[in-house]
Protein backbone atom coordinates (compact mmCIF):
# COMPACT_ATOMS: atom_id res chain seq x y z
CA UNK A 1 -90.02 -124.74 132.18
CA UNK A 2 -92.15 -124.75 135.32
CA UNK A 3 -90.47 -122.01 137.38
CA UNK A 4 -89.61 -118.37 136.97
CA UNK A 5 -85.99 -117.43 136.34
CA UNK A 6 -83.70 -117.68 139.36
CA UNK A 7 -82.65 -114.07 138.68
CA UNK A 8 -86.27 -112.92 138.27
CA UNK A 9 -86.71 -109.18 138.88
CA UNK A 10 -89.46 -108.31 141.35
CA UNK A 11 -90.26 -104.69 142.04
CA UNK A 12 -92.03 -101.46 141.37
CA UNK A 13 -92.37 -98.72 138.74
CA UNK A 14 -92.97 -94.98 139.16
CA UNK A 15 -92.66 -91.67 137.34
CA UNK A 16 -90.84 -88.59 138.61
CA UNK A 17 -93.82 -86.21 138.64
CA UNK A 18 -95.92 -88.71 140.60
CA UNK A 19 -93.26 -89.26 143.26
CA UNK A 20 -90.60 -86.59 143.63
CA UNK A 21 -92.31 -83.30 144.41
CA UNK A 22 -89.68 -80.59 145.12
CA UNK A 23 -90.86 -78.87 141.95
CA UNK A 24 -88.82 -75.74 142.70
CA UNK A 25 -85.83 -77.21 144.54
CA UNK A 26 -82.36 -78.33 143.51
CA UNK A 27 -82.22 -76.17 140.40
CA UNK A 28 -85.17 -77.93 138.74
CA UNK A 29 -86.86 -76.17 135.83
CA UNK A 30 -90.59 -76.25 135.27
CA UNK A 31 -92.23 -79.11 133.41
CA UNK A 32 -95.68 -79.07 131.85
CA UNK A 33 -96.98 -80.78 135.01
CA UNK A 34 -95.64 -78.14 137.38
CA UNK A 35 -98.11 -75.53 136.13
CA UNK A 36 -101.20 -77.73 136.39
CA UNK A 37 -103.53 -76.56 139.10
CA UNK A 38 -105.45 -78.67 141.59
CA UNK A 39 -109.10 -79.45 140.84
CA UNK A 40 -111.96 -80.77 142.97
CA UNK A 41 -110.78 -84.36 142.50
CA UNK A 42 -107.08 -83.96 141.76
CA UNK A 43 -103.97 -82.60 143.41
CA UNK A 44 -101.41 -80.28 141.87
CA UNK A 45 -97.96 -81.74 141.23
CA UNK A 46 -95.79 -79.68 143.56
CA UNK A 47 -95.29 -82.23 146.34
CA UNK A 48 -96.48 -85.65 145.06
CA UNK A 49 -95.27 -88.07 147.79
CA UNK A 50 -92.10 -86.05 148.52
CA UNK A 51 -89.79 -88.75 147.18
CA UNK A 52 -87.10 -86.12 146.60
CA UNK A 53 -86.60 -85.90 150.36
CA UNK A 54 -87.88 -89.33 151.45
CA UNK A 55 -86.33 -91.79 149.02
CA UNK A 56 -84.09 -93.49 151.65
CA UNK A 57 -87.23 -94.28 153.67
CA UNK A 58 -89.00 -95.67 150.63
CA UNK A 59 -86.00 -97.69 149.48
CA UNK A 60 -85.98 -99.25 152.95
CA UNK A 61 -89.59 -100.32 152.37
CA UNK A 62 -88.57 -101.81 149.02
CA UNK A 63 -85.76 -103.69 150.72
CA UNK A 64 -88.08 -104.92 153.49
CA UNK A 65 -90.48 -106.23 150.86
CA UNK A 66 -87.64 -108.08 149.14
CA UNK A 67 -87.72 -106.11 145.89
CA UNK A 68 -84.65 -106.40 143.69
CA UNK A 69 -85.64 -103.93 140.94
CA UNK A 70 -86.97 -100.37 140.86
CA UNK A 71 -87.87 -98.57 137.68
CA UNK A 72 -87.87 -94.80 138.07
CA UNK A 73 -87.90 -91.87 135.69
CA UNK A 74 -85.35 -89.11 135.38
CA UNK A 75 -87.11 -85.76 135.25
CA UNK A 76 -85.71 -84.06 132.15
CA UNK A 77 -86.31 -80.60 133.63
CA UNK A 78 -84.56 -81.53 136.88
CA UNK A 79 -81.31 -82.38 135.12
CA UNK A 80 -81.71 -79.79 132.34
CA UNK A 81 -84.05 -77.00 133.48
CA UNK A 82 -84.97 -75.71 130.00
CA UNK A 83 -84.56 -79.05 128.26
CA UNK A 84 -82.07 -77.67 125.75
CA UNK A 85 -79.68 -75.60 127.90
CA UNK A 86 -77.05 -76.26 130.52
CA UNK A 87 -77.20 -79.40 132.60
CA UNK A 88 -77.96 -79.00 136.31
CA UNK A 89 -75.35 -80.79 138.39
CA UNK A 90 -77.45 -80.66 141.55
CA UNK A 91 -80.28 -82.46 139.78
CA UNK A 92 -77.91 -85.04 138.34
CA UNK A 93 -76.45 -85.64 141.80
CA UNK A 94 -79.93 -86.40 143.13
CA UNK A 95 -80.24 -89.33 140.70
CA UNK A 96 -76.66 -90.40 141.29
CA UNK A 97 -77.36 -90.61 145.02
CA UNK A 98 -80.67 -92.41 144.40
CA UNK A 99 -78.94 -95.00 142.21
CA UNK A 100 -76.20 -95.55 144.77
CA UNK A 101 -78.79 -96.03 147.53
CA UNK A 102 -80.62 -98.61 145.42
CA UNK A 103 -77.43 -100.50 144.61
CA UNK A 104 -76.39 -100.44 148.26
CA UNK A 105 -79.66 -102.21 149.04
CA UNK A 106 -79.22 -104.81 146.27
CA UNK A 107 -82.00 -103.25 144.18
CA UNK A 108 -81.34 -103.09 140.44
CA UNK A 109 -82.21 -99.62 139.11
CA UNK A 110 -84.02 -99.27 135.78
CA UNK A 111 -84.14 -95.83 134.17
CA UNK A 112 -86.93 -94.37 132.04
CA UNK A 113 -85.97 -91.14 130.28
CA UNK A 114 -89.42 -89.70 129.53
CA UNK A 115 -92.79 -90.22 131.19
CA UNK A 116 -94.90 -87.41 129.71
CA UNK A 117 -93.37 -84.46 131.64
CA UNK A 118 -91.94 -82.27 128.89
CA UNK A 119 -89.80 -79.32 130.08
CA UNK A 120 -92.17 -76.35 129.93
CA UNK A 121 -89.76 -74.27 127.84
CA UNK A 122 -89.73 -76.87 125.06
CA UNK A 123 -93.51 -77.21 125.09
CA UNK A 124 -94.19 -73.47 125.03
CA UNK A 125 -91.53 -72.40 122.53
CA UNK A 126 -91.25 -75.43 120.24
CA UNK A 127 -94.54 -77.33 120.58
CA UNK A 128 -92.96 -80.49 121.95
CA UNK A 129 -92.08 -83.56 119.93
CA UNK A 130 -93.60 -82.28 116.72
CA UNK A 131 -90.45 -80.12 116.55
CA UNK A 132 -87.04 -81.22 115.28
CA UNK A 133 -85.45 -78.95 117.90
CA UNK A 134 -87.03 -81.02 120.67
CA UNK A 135 -85.85 -84.24 119.02
CA UNK A 136 -82.28 -82.94 119.04
CA UNK A 137 -82.65 -81.77 122.65
CA UNK A 138 -83.94 -85.16 123.78
CA UNK A 139 -81.14 -87.06 122.08
CA UNK A 140 -78.59 -84.76 123.72
CA UNK A 141 -80.28 -85.28 127.10
CA UNK A 142 -80.46 -89.06 126.71
CA UNK A 143 -76.83 -89.38 125.68
CA UNK A 144 -75.75 -87.26 128.65
CA UNK A 145 -77.69 -89.47 131.05
CA UNK A 146 -75.99 -92.51 129.55
CA UNK A 147 -72.60 -90.87 130.09
CA UNK A 148 -73.48 -90.23 133.73
CA UNK A 149 -75.22 -93.47 134.62
CA UNK A 150 -74.72 -95.99 131.81
CA UNK A 151 -72.00 -97.88 133.63
CA UNK A 152 -74.00 -98.17 136.87
CA UNK A 153 -77.51 -98.83 135.55
CA UNK A 154 -77.99 -101.96 133.47
CA UNK A 155 -81.61 -101.57 132.30
CA UNK A 156 -82.97 -98.60 130.35
CA UNK A 157 -86.09 -97.54 128.49
CA UNK A 158 -86.54 -94.27 126.60
CA UNK A 159 -90.27 -93.53 126.54
CA UNK A 160 -92.93 -94.81 128.86
CA UNK A 161 -95.74 -96.46 126.88
CA UNK A 162 -94.32 -95.38 123.55
CA UNK A 163 -97.24 -96.58 121.45
CA UNK A 164 -99.38 -93.86 123.05
CA UNK A 165 -97.59 -91.55 120.61
CA UNK A 166 -99.45 -93.44 117.87
CA UNK A 167 -102.95 -92.76 119.25
CA UNK A 168 -104.79 -89.54 120.22
CA UNK A 169 -103.20 -89.61 123.69
CA UNK A 170 -100.04 -88.38 121.90
CA UNK A 171 -101.36 -84.85 121.82
CA UNK A 172 -101.52 -84.73 125.64
CA UNK A 173 -98.18 -86.34 126.48
CA UNK A 174 -95.76 -84.91 123.92
CA UNK A 175 -95.74 -81.23 124.91
CA UNK A 176 -97.94 -80.46 121.90
CA UNK A 177 -100.41 -77.60 121.53
CA UNK A 178 -101.87 -77.59 118.06
CA UNK A 179 -104.88 -78.57 116.00
CA UNK A 180 -104.56 -82.34 116.66
CA UNK A 181 -104.16 -83.11 112.96
CA UNK A 182 -103.44 -86.62 111.70
CA UNK A 183 -100.25 -85.25 110.11
CA UNK A 184 -99.01 -83.96 113.45
CA UNK A 185 -99.89 -87.29 115.10
CA UNK A 186 -97.76 -89.18 112.59
CA UNK A 187 -94.96 -86.62 112.84
CA UNK A 188 -94.90 -87.00 116.63
CA UNK A 189 -94.86 -90.79 116.25
CA UNK A 190 -91.90 -90.59 113.87
CA UNK A 191 -89.95 -88.10 115.99
CA UNK A 192 -90.44 -90.05 119.20
CA UNK A 193 -89.24 -93.23 117.56
CA UNK A 194 -86.26 -91.41 116.07
CA UNK A 195 -85.35 -90.33 119.61
CA UNK A 196 -85.67 -93.90 120.85
CA UNK A 197 -83.59 -95.25 117.97
CA UNK A 198 -80.77 -92.75 118.53
CA UNK A 199 -80.50 -93.66 122.23
CA UNK A 200 -80.86 -97.41 121.63
CA UNK A 201 -78.14 -97.27 118.98
CA UNK A 202 -75.92 -95.30 121.38
CA UNK A 203 -76.36 -98.01 124.01
CA UNK A 204 -75.51 -100.82 121.64
CA UNK A 205 -72.49 -99.01 120.19
CA UNK A 206 -70.91 -97.74 123.41
CA UNK A 207 -72.34 -99.49 126.50
CA UNK A 208 -71.77 -103.24 126.12
CA UNK A 209 -72.95 -104.11 129.64
CA UNK A 210 -76.17 -102.10 129.35
CA UNK A 211 -79.53 -103.28 128.00
CA UNK A 212 -82.26 -101.16 126.47
CA UNK A 213 -85.73 -102.28 125.51
CA UNK A 214 -88.83 -100.93 123.87
CA UNK A 215 -91.77 -100.14 126.14
CA UNK A 216 -95.42 -99.93 125.18
CA UNK A 217 -98.85 -99.89 126.77
CA UNK A 218 -100.00 -103.01 125.01
CA UNK A 219 -103.47 -102.20 123.68
CA UNK A 220 -105.18 -105.58 123.93
CA UNK A 221 -108.64 -105.24 122.41
CA UNK A 222 -111.25 -107.82 121.47
CA UNK A 223 -113.95 -107.66 118.81
CA UNK A 224 -117.21 -106.71 120.52
CA UNK A 225 -118.94 -109.52 118.59
CA UNK A 226 -118.20 -112.13 115.95
CA UNK A 227 -119.36 -109.63 113.31
CA UNK A 228 -116.63 -109.73 110.64
CA UNK A 229 -116.32 -105.94 110.63
CA UNK A 230 -115.67 -106.00 114.40
CA UNK A 231 -112.92 -108.56 113.86
CA UNK A 232 -111.45 -106.57 110.96
CA UNK A 233 -111.47 -103.26 112.85
CA UNK A 234 -109.83 -104.87 115.87
CA UNK A 235 -107.11 -106.44 113.75
CA UNK A 236 -106.40 -103.15 112.00
CA UNK A 237 -106.23 -101.17 115.22
CA UNK A 238 -103.80 -103.67 116.75
CA UNK A 239 -101.57 -103.35 113.69
CA UNK A 240 -101.42 -99.56 113.99
CA UNK A 241 -101.30 -99.31 117.81
CA UNK A 242 -99.14 -102.31 118.80
CA UNK A 243 -97.60 -104.30 115.99
CA UNK A 244 -96.17 -101.33 114.11
CA UNK A 245 -94.15 -100.26 117.13
CA UNK A 246 -93.05 -103.80 117.95
CA UNK A 247 -91.71 -104.14 114.41
CA UNK A 248 -89.85 -100.85 114.81
CA UNK A 249 -88.41 -101.99 118.14
CA UNK A 250 -87.17 -105.27 116.70
CA UNK A 251 -86.52 -104.69 112.98
CA UNK A 252 -86.24 -100.92 112.60
CA UNK A 253 -89.05 -100.94 110.04
CA UNK A 254 -92.59 -99.61 109.91
CA UNK A 255 -95.46 -102.01 109.27
CA UNK A 256 -96.15 -102.35 105.54
CA UNK A 257 -99.81 -101.65 106.22
CA UNK A 258 -99.02 -98.44 108.11
CA UNK A 259 -96.69 -97.24 105.35
CA UNK A 260 -99.39 -97.91 102.75
CA UNK A 261 -101.90 -95.89 104.81
CA UNK A 262 -99.38 -93.04 105.02
CA UNK A 263 -98.92 -93.08 101.24
CA UNK A 264 -102.67 -93.06 100.60
CA UNK A 265 -103.03 -90.04 102.90
CA UNK A 266 -99.97 -88.09 101.70
CA UNK A 267 -98.12 -88.65 104.98
CA UNK A 268 -95.20 -90.74 103.74
CA UNK A 269 -92.96 -87.67 103.32
CA UNK A 270 -92.74 -87.74 107.15
CA UNK A 271 -90.47 -90.79 106.79
CA UNK A 272 -87.29 -88.82 106.12
CA UNK A 273 -84.59 -91.09 104.55
CA UNK A 274 -81.83 -89.82 106.86
CA UNK A 275 -84.01 -90.47 109.91
CA UNK A 276 -85.02 -93.89 108.63
CA UNK A 277 -81.36 -94.83 108.26
CA UNK A 278 -80.95 -94.24 112.02
CA UNK A 279 -84.18 -96.10 112.70
CA UNK A 280 -83.11 -99.07 110.57
CA UNK A 281 -80.32 -99.98 112.99
CA UNK A 282 -82.64 -100.21 116.00
CA UNK A 283 -82.77 -103.38 118.04
CA UNK A 284 -84.08 -104.24 121.49
CA UNK A 285 -82.57 -106.41 124.21
CA UNK A 286 -86.03 -107.00 125.69
CA UNK A 287 -89.59 -105.75 125.29
CA UNK A 288 -91.26 -104.16 128.29
CA UNK A 289 -94.87 -103.14 128.61
CA UNK A 290 -97.61 -101.97 130.93
CA UNK A 291 -100.79 -103.97 131.36
CA UNK A 292 -103.85 -103.04 133.39
CA UNK A 293 -106.97 -104.01 131.47
CA UNK A 294 -108.48 -104.84 128.09
CA UNK A 295 -111.25 -103.30 125.99
CA UNK A 296 -113.43 -104.12 123.00
CA UNK A 297 -114.13 -102.52 119.61
CA UNK A 298 -117.58 -102.23 118.07
CA UNK A 299 -117.12 -101.40 114.39
CA UNK A 300 -120.66 -100.02 114.08
CA UNK A 301 -119.66 -97.08 116.29
CA UNK A 302 -116.72 -96.05 114.09
CA UNK A 303 -117.50 -93.29 111.56
CA UNK A 304 -116.54 -93.88 107.93
CA UNK A 305 -112.99 -92.74 107.04
CA UNK A 306 -111.82 -92.72 110.67
CA UNK A 307 -108.06 -93.05 111.00
CA UNK A 308 -107.26 -96.56 112.32
CA UNK A 309 -105.30 -95.00 115.19
CA UNK A 310 -108.64 -93.71 116.54
CA UNK A 311 -110.61 -96.97 116.36
CA UNK A 312 -110.29 -97.83 120.05
CA UNK A 313 -111.78 -94.49 121.07
CA UNK A 314 -114.53 -94.26 118.47
CA UNK A 315 -115.45 -97.95 118.71
CA UNK A 316 -115.00 -98.51 122.45
CA UNK A 317 -117.63 -100.65 124.10
CA UNK A 318 -117.55 -102.23 127.61
CA UNK A 319 -116.93 -105.96 127.76
CA UNK A 320 -119.98 -107.53 129.48
CA UNK A 321 -117.97 -110.57 130.58
CA UNK A 322 -115.41 -108.74 132.75
CA UNK A 323 -115.47 -107.02 136.14
CA UNK A 324 -114.48 -103.37 136.30
CA UNK A 325 -113.01 -101.08 138.93
CA UNK A 326 -114.68 -97.78 139.77
CA UNK A 327 -112.81 -96.05 136.92
CA UNK A 328 -114.21 -98.55 134.39
CA UNK A 329 -110.92 -100.39 133.87
CA UNK A 330 -111.85 -103.98 133.08
CA UNK A 331 -110.00 -106.71 134.97
CA UNK A 332 -108.68 -109.44 132.68
CA UNK A 333 -105.84 -111.69 133.94
CA UNK A 334 -106.16 -114.05 130.97
CA UNK A 335 -105.62 -111.05 128.72
CA UNK A 336 -102.26 -110.58 130.46
CA UNK A 337 -101.20 -114.10 129.51
CA UNK A 338 -102.44 -113.53 125.96
CA UNK A 339 -100.36 -110.36 125.65
CA UNK A 340 -97.22 -112.06 127.00
CA UNK A 341 -97.55 -114.98 124.63
CA UNK A 342 -98.45 -112.82 121.63
CA UNK A 343 -95.45 -110.50 122.05
CA UNK A 344 -93.15 -113.47 122.69
CA UNK A 345 -94.25 -115.19 119.50
CA UNK A 346 -93.78 -111.98 117.53
CA UNK A 347 -90.40 -110.91 118.90
CA UNK A 348 -88.62 -113.99 120.32
CA UNK A 349 -87.18 -111.67 122.98
CA UNK A 350 -87.27 -111.68 126.78
CA UNK A 351 -90.35 -109.83 128.05
CA UNK A 352 -90.59 -107.55 131.04
CA UNK A 353 -94.03 -106.44 132.29
CA UNK A 354 -93.07 -103.30 134.22
CA UNK A 355 -96.48 -101.89 135.15
CA UNK A 356 -99.41 -103.88 136.48
CA UNK A 357 -101.86 -102.92 139.18
CA UNK A 358 -105.32 -101.75 140.19
CA UNK A 359 -106.49 -98.35 141.38
CA UNK A 360 -109.00 -98.31 144.26
CA UNK A 361 -110.43 -95.65 146.59
CA UNK A 362 -109.20 -96.40 150.11
CA UNK A 363 -109.51 -94.77 153.53
CA UNK A 364 -107.16 -95.38 156.45
CA UNK A 365 -108.58 -95.34 159.97
CA UNK A 366 -105.34 -93.94 161.37
CA UNK A 367 -104.43 -97.15 163.20
CA UNK A 368 -104.99 -100.47 161.42
CA UNK A 369 -103.45 -101.62 158.12
CA UNK A 370 -105.82 -101.41 155.17
CA UNK A 371 -107.26 -104.84 154.35
CA UNK A 372 -106.84 -104.79 150.55
CA UNK A 373 -107.76 -108.34 149.63
CA UNK A 374 -109.02 -107.05 146.25
CA UNK A 375 -105.46 -105.89 145.42
CA UNK A 376 -104.01 -109.24 146.50
CA UNK A 377 -106.51 -111.02 144.26
CA UNK A 378 -105.69 -108.76 141.30
CA UNK A 379 -101.94 -109.35 141.57
CA UNK A 380 -102.31 -113.05 142.43
CA UNK A 381 -104.44 -113.67 139.35
CA UNK A 382 -102.09 -111.71 137.08
CA UNK A 383 -98.93 -113.34 138.44
CA UNK A 384 -100.55 -116.76 137.96
CA UNK A 385 -101.42 -115.81 134.38
CA UNK A 386 -97.77 -114.78 133.88
CA UNK A 387 -96.58 -118.12 135.31
CA UNK A 388 -98.94 -119.93 132.92
CA UNK A 389 -97.42 -117.99 130.02
CA UNK A 390 -93.99 -119.18 131.17
CA UNK A 391 -94.79 -122.82 132.00
CA UNK A 392 -97.45 -123.60 129.39
CA UNK A 393 -96.65 -121.22 126.52
CA UNK A 394 -92.86 -121.07 126.86
CA UNK A 395 -92.54 -117.30 127.30
CA UNK A 396 -89.24 -115.93 128.64
CA UNK A 397 -90.20 -113.38 131.32
CA UNK A 398 -87.48 -111.30 133.01
CA UNK A 399 -89.47 -109.90 135.89
CA UNK A 400 -92.67 -108.35 137.19
CA UNK A 401 -92.92 -104.74 138.38
CA UNK A 402 -96.11 -103.58 140.02
CA UNK A 403 -97.65 -100.15 139.79
CA UNK A 404 -96.98 -99.67 142.48
CA UNK A 405 -95.38 -100.28 145.81
CA UNK A 406 -96.38 -96.94 147.33
CA UNK A 407 -99.49 -94.79 146.77
CA UNK A 408 -98.87 -91.90 144.38
CA UNK A 409 -101.16 -89.45 142.59
CA UNK A 410 -102.73 -91.15 139.56
CA UNK A 411 -101.83 -90.04 136.04
CA UNK A 412 -104.65 -87.50 136.33
CA UNK A 413 -103.41 -86.27 139.73
CA UNK A 414 -105.97 -88.11 141.86
CA UNK A 415 -104.35 -89.17 145.15
CA UNK A 416 -107.53 -91.06 146.07
CA UNK A 417 -107.04 -93.52 143.19
CA UNK A 418 -104.58 -95.72 145.06
CA UNK A 419 -102.46 -98.45 143.50
CA UNK A 420 -99.93 -98.98 146.28
CA UNK A 421 -99.20 -101.76 148.75
CA UNK A 422 -98.11 -98.97 151.09
CA UNK A 423 -100.60 -96.25 152.04
CA UNK A 424 -99.34 -92.65 151.94
CA UNK A 425 -101.22 -90.46 154.38
CA UNK A 426 -102.14 -87.52 152.20
CA UNK A 427 -105.19 -86.52 150.17
CA UNK A 428 -105.70 -84.41 147.09
CA UNK A 429 -105.70 -81.13 149.00
CA UNK A 430 -104.51 -82.05 152.49
CA UNK A 431 -100.87 -83.17 152.67
CA UNK A 432 -101.30 -84.44 156.26
CA UNK A 433 -98.08 -86.12 157.52
CA UNK A 434 -97.22 -88.28 154.46
CA UNK A 435 -96.75 -91.29 156.75
CA UNK A 436 -96.07 -94.57 154.96
CA UNK A 437 -98.30 -97.40 156.23
CA UNK A 438 -97.98 -100.93 154.72
CA UNK A 439 -101.29 -102.50 153.69
CA UNK A 440 -102.18 -106.19 153.97
CA UNK A 441 -100.90 -106.71 150.41
CA UNK A 442 -97.39 -105.61 151.45
CA UNK A 443 -96.77 -108.75 153.50
CA UNK A 444 -98.50 -110.92 150.92
CA UNK A 445 -96.23 -109.64 148.14
CA UNK A 446 -93.21 -110.04 150.43
CA UNK A 447 -93.95 -113.79 150.61
CA UNK A 448 -94.50 -113.95 146.85
CA UNK A 449 -91.08 -112.44 146.22
CA UNK A 450 -89.38 -114.60 148.86
CA UNK A 451 -90.74 -117.72 147.16
CA UNK A 452 -89.96 -116.38 143.66
CA UNK A 453 -93.62 -116.63 142.80
CA UNK A 454 -94.18 -120.17 144.06
CA UNK A 455 -96.40 -119.04 146.94
CA UNK A 456 -99.37 -116.96 145.78
């Protein structure tokens, strides 16, 4: 197979807190992001890029570029202000209108239910996903969103980058405030997957025209050297951070190695039999993932008795053979092909890379489009690697969604770390006029989409 699918999905991914703004409008409740304050190098989250008011303008840009898919996130606290109380019809109508506008422009919507922005009430009162109450609240929320939108939206994911709930990042993104114990980490991992399983099972039982897939931030790491302990540590980390979740997504089972570790460390009681019965029925229609960079593991840096889930932090070492951006993310297009082919061989499912991009500091002169040849090169090299995975390795790829089409605050709130092919005229502390200005890469990507990836 030498070409991408004729129905290939080209587009863009975002999160609600990085786009919508309107933090106190339309009946929205507070999320954990809404109370974060601005810092010297980061914005607060009150306005973002004002997508709540400007989405028709931005959908027009998507249409002009030729996009046929847009993955967005429903803000849990916009549709259910406390997370576990009454649903907010005004908030639900916002997403209903957004979906209709996308469909009217021949853009396939893809919904993500959770992208780290826990309703504040659930974080403060129940400590986030470590709590069974929050699990029940999420499942109720997810099923309600399926009732509202399941017959209009074909593609769904539950959790953005779900394997991050298996590594220390889990403590930041799950609404948790505790002592960061290994037990709590594994409890969060189990609860988040239980939530995913309940929603995936609901889709497959009641929404025959809807597809749901697992989504992970594939943690591609290399041994720092040929030292056998580097190779062994890398293999073990990949099993705990990637392969365990992929097996859950496809077979409804934990990795044997992970279960054995849990038994050795008196954690296996977390695997409640009633929960595991729900988990056992899980299946995925596709596997989606984010990919930005790769890293390496140096086993000599890892303290004795470190939990394998922590290896990539304790053993991290820069790769001397790769270029990096100014935030030390290492650029590795071949790694992208490796990830695609690895997941394909493991799952035999269609794959959907739904985040890929590069953050760069950029200044607009107020008149001329930004000449972002570095962004064009990044995407060109990664799309070519994807095409090689298809044509040489036989991988079935559904689409390619960049992060992103339009500049948004980074995950840390830094508006000056720009990923977009459209410049948004605002800074971290000065909102300016929010004008959307296409960069050079906008027209380049437009031609890529028009040719279905044949012209790079």
